[in-house]
């Protein structure tokens, strides 16, 4: 079996596991009130941090631990014309899901979604969606079309959000304040449709939103029945930021990247209960 065939098999199996995730209800995952959930920020092909994450999670010996991944592709290029090899991390993540289908979970994100829908997205002066596909075609030649189809199938299987029994809502991002009036929260109650994933669908609005205000977070808190939000999407040079004592933004795609182990049995009473648990990848051997 070639490397491409192995990757295709992993992507298709992982997509099926995503659709059959025991914690999935509609397009949102609902976690129990025990164990631990390790939440990451955007990874963007940062394989060193991904390897550290796998070592920290040690899922083989930690059956009550879950891990949440999102924004895996479109890496920071070493040079302007360098290949985008973030597909390697995507394949590794799919294999991890296959190895631990009830512990490894994913969220839909704007970069994966753009790759699926053909929505051009620029990063560091390059069209990231084009460079990603071009790099796969160069690396895998005649096997590339089937591999790209497998990637699309995997991305299409990703849920939109997750929530804990302790009042934490988790998603790649949240709608922008000016778009909140168009956002339909019933999208979480059903299987996502193609219309949900393109503008102005609610899945699209969810993963692309930025610059949330205190008023918007309060409105979303009431709408979604939660106390705190954990997201990625908005770059954080120091690894994380806190908005309005309600929202944590994590970044996992650089040397100052962080992740957040969440105690699923304990309801946080303040945002500091969560930020005190944030860990830098640099501290993981």
Foldseek 3Di string as FASTA:
>chain_A
DDPLVLLLVLLVVLLVLLLVAVQAAAQEGEDELFAKEKEFAAAALVVLLVVLVCVVPVCVPRVRYAYEDENQHQHDDPDPPDAGPSVVVVSVLSVVCVVPVNRYAYAAADVLLCLLPVPFDDDPRDRRSVRNLVNQCVVPPPSSVSSSVSSNSNNLSHGAWYDAPQFETEGQAAAAPVCPVVADPCSSNHHHDPQLSDPPHNSVRGRPHDDHALVNLVVVCVVVVGQAYEHENDDDPQAWDDHPFHYIYGHSHDQNHKMWMDGRNDRDPTSCVGVVRIDGSNPRD
